[in-house]
Amino acid sequence: MHEFSLVRSLLEQVERIVTEQGGRAAVEVRVEIGPLSGVEPLLVKEAFSQLSVDATLIIDEVPLMARCHSCAREFELKDFRFACPHCNSRETSIVRGDTFRLMSVTVDISDVVAAARTSDELLETVSPS
């Protein structure tokens, strides 16, 4: 089960963010998982609960989205049918739903104050390799 190594890598990223922010610990970790990421959300949740001490994991399961090269429309891929529902073109590209990505980390920076950080620098993709 490669989800354990992915969660270990994710927690290393989280720890770096906590340290950069001068925090004590991560309170909440939000990730995005797409259907083509090769990552099983239930197994990520299980690995996270075994490897993390106190942080809460929030998983956003995103739909598989594509863009048609012929008509330039974006659409949700249903049943892995890689054809544009508007013009039936098969010239499409995946635009969302093929990654396991860290979206945000809420960091405990004192006993009373918590800061949420959701900048573009947190949008590092955790490779499922």
Protein backbone atom coordinates (compact mmCIF):
# COMPACT_ATOMS: atom_id res chain seq x y z
CA MET A 1 0.00 0.00 0.00
CA HIS A 2 1.84 3.11 -1.26
CA GLU A 3 -0.50 5.44 0.64
CA PHE A 4 1.70 5.09 3.73
CA SER A 5 4.75 6.45 1.89
CA LEU A 6 2.64 9.23 0.38
CA VAL A 7 1.32 10.21 3.80
CA ARG A 8 4.85 10.14 5.24
CA SER A 9 5.92 12.53 2.46
CA LEU A 10 2.85 14.69 3.09
CA LEU A 11 3.63 14.87 6.81
CA GLU A 12 7.21 15.91 6.03
CA GLN A 13 5.80 18.81 3.97
CA VAL A 14 3.43 19.68 6.82
CA GLU A 15 6.28 19.64 9.33
CA ARG A 16 8.34 22.00 7.14
CA ILE A 17 5.38 24.39 6.95
CA VAL A 18 4.87 24.27 10.74
CA THR A 19 8.58 25.03 11.26
CA GLU A 20 8.58 27.87 8.68
CA GLN A 21 5.60 29.45 10.44
CA GLY A 22 7.18 29.12 13.88
CA GLY A 23 4.30 26.93 14.93
CA ARG A 24 3.99 24.25 17.54
CA ALA A 25 1.98 21.74 15.51
CA ALA A 26 -0.39 21.25 12.62
CA VAL A 27 -4.02 21.39 13.66
CA GLU A 28 -5.64 20.56 10.32
CA VAL A 29 -4.32 19.25 7.01
CA ARG A 30 -6.47 19.56 3.86
CA VAL A 31 -5.69 17.50 0.76
CA GLU A 32 -7.27 17.07 -2.64
CA ILE A 33 -7.56 13.61 -4.19
CA GLY A 34 -8.72 12.97 -7.74
CA PRO A 35 -10.00 9.72 -9.23
CA LEU A 36 -6.96 9.39 -11.53
CA SER A 37 -4.39 10.10 -8.81
CA GLY A 38 -3.83 6.43 -8.07
CA VAL A 39 -4.52 7.17 -4.41
CA GLU A 40 -7.32 5.63 -2.38
CA PRO A 41 -8.87 8.20 0.03
CA LEU A 42 -9.84 5.59 2.62
CA LEU A 43 -6.28 4.24 2.75
CA VAL A 44 -4.89 7.80 3.03
CA LYS A 45 -7.19 8.42 5.99
CA GLU A 46 -6.08 5.18 7.64
CA ALA A 47 -2.36 5.90 7.08
CA PHE A 48 -2.77 9.48 8.33
CA SER A 49 -4.47 8.32 11.53
CA GLN A 50 -1.62 5.88 12.19
CA LEU A 51 1.22 8.29 11.35
CA SER A 52 -0.11 11.63 12.68
CA VAL A 53 -0.52 12.52 16.31
CA ASP A 54 -3.08 15.30 16.66
CA ALA A 55 -3.85 16.88 13.28
CA THR A 56 -7.22 16.45 11.61
CA LEU A 57 -7.19 15.35 7.98
CA ILE A 58 -9.75 16.82 5.57
CA ILE A 59 -9.98 15.08 2.19
CA ASP A 60 -11.61 16.87 -0.73
CA GLU A 61 -12.44 14.30 -3.39
CA VAL A 62 -12.54 16.22 -6.67
CA PRO A 63 -14.17 15.13 -9.91
CA LEU A 64 -12.22 14.24 -13.01
CA MET A 65 -12.34 17.32 -15.27
CA ALA A 66 -11.17 17.72 -18.87
CA ARG A 67 -10.90 20.47 -21.49
CA CYS A 68 -11.86 19.91 -25.09
CA HIS A 69 -9.26 21.02 -27.63
CA SER A 70 -11.93 21.46 -30.33
CA CYS A 71 -14.54 23.62 -28.56
CA ALA A 72 -12.44 24.75 -25.52
CA ARG A 73 -15.14 23.77 -23.01
CA GLU A 74 -14.37 22.15 -19.68
CA PHE A 75 -16.47 19.23 -18.56
CA GLU A 76 -16.60 16.46 -15.99
CA LEU A 77 -15.55 13.07 -17.30
CA LYS A 78 -18.24 10.58 -16.44
CA ASP A 79 -17.55 6.84 -16.53
CA PHE A 80 -14.06 7.65 -17.87
CA ARG A 81 -15.58 8.50 -21.26
CA PHE A 82 -12.87 10.73 -22.78
CA ALA A 83 -15.11 12.50 -25.30
CA CYS A 84 -16.49 16.03 -25.12
CA PRO A 85 -20.22 15.92 -24.33
CA HIS A 86 -20.70 19.16 -26.33
CA CYS A 87 -19.00 18.36 -29.65
CA ASN A 88 -18.04 14.65 -29.26
CA SER A 89 -14.38 15.38 -29.93
CA ARG A 90 -11.93 12.94 -28.36
CA GLU A 91 -9.17 15.56 -28.34
CA THR A 92 -9.24 16.34 -24.63
CA SER A 93 -6.81 17.03 -21.78
CA ILE A 94 -7.22 16.35 -18.08
CA VAL A 95 -7.32 19.63 -16.13
CA ARG A 96 -8.25 18.35 -12.66
CA GLY A 97 -8.66 15.10 -10.80
CA ASP A 98 -5.37 13.36 -11.49
CA THR A 99 -3.40 14.47 -8.41
CA PHE A 100 -2.98 14.00 -4.69
CA ARG A 101 -2.24 17.52 -3.52
CA LEU A 102 -1.69 19.36 -0.25
CA MET A 103 -4.12 22.29 -0.25
CA SER A 104 -3.71 23.88 3.18
CA VAL A 105 -2.32 23.46 6.66
CA THR A 106 -3.73 25.09 9.78
CA VAL A 107 -0.84 25.74 12.15
CA ASP A 108 -1.04 26.20 15.92
CA ILE A 109 1.27 29.19 16.46
CA SER A 110 0.49 29.72 20.15
CA ASP A 111 -1.78 28.41 22.87
CA VAL A 112 -4.60 30.69 21.70
CA VAL A 113 -3.99 31.63 18.08
CA ALA A 114 -4.14 29.38 15.01
CA ALA A 115 -3.28 30.58 11.52
CA ALA A 116 -4.43 29.01 8.28
CA ARG A 117 -2.07 29.18 5.35
CA THR A 118 -3.51 28.54 1.88
CA SER A 119 -1.08 30.20 -0.50
CA ASP A 120 0.01 28.89 -3.90
CA GLU A 121 3.28 27.63 -2.39
CA LEU A 122 1.27 24.98 -0.52
CA LEU A 123 -0.10 23.60 -3.77
CA GLU A 124 2.79 21.19 -4.19
CA THR A 125 1.71 17.97 -5.75
CA VAL A 126 2.65 14.89 -3.80
CA SER A 127 3.66 12.44 -6.49
CA PRO A 128 1.96 9.04 -6.19
CA SER A 129 5.06 7.23 -7.54
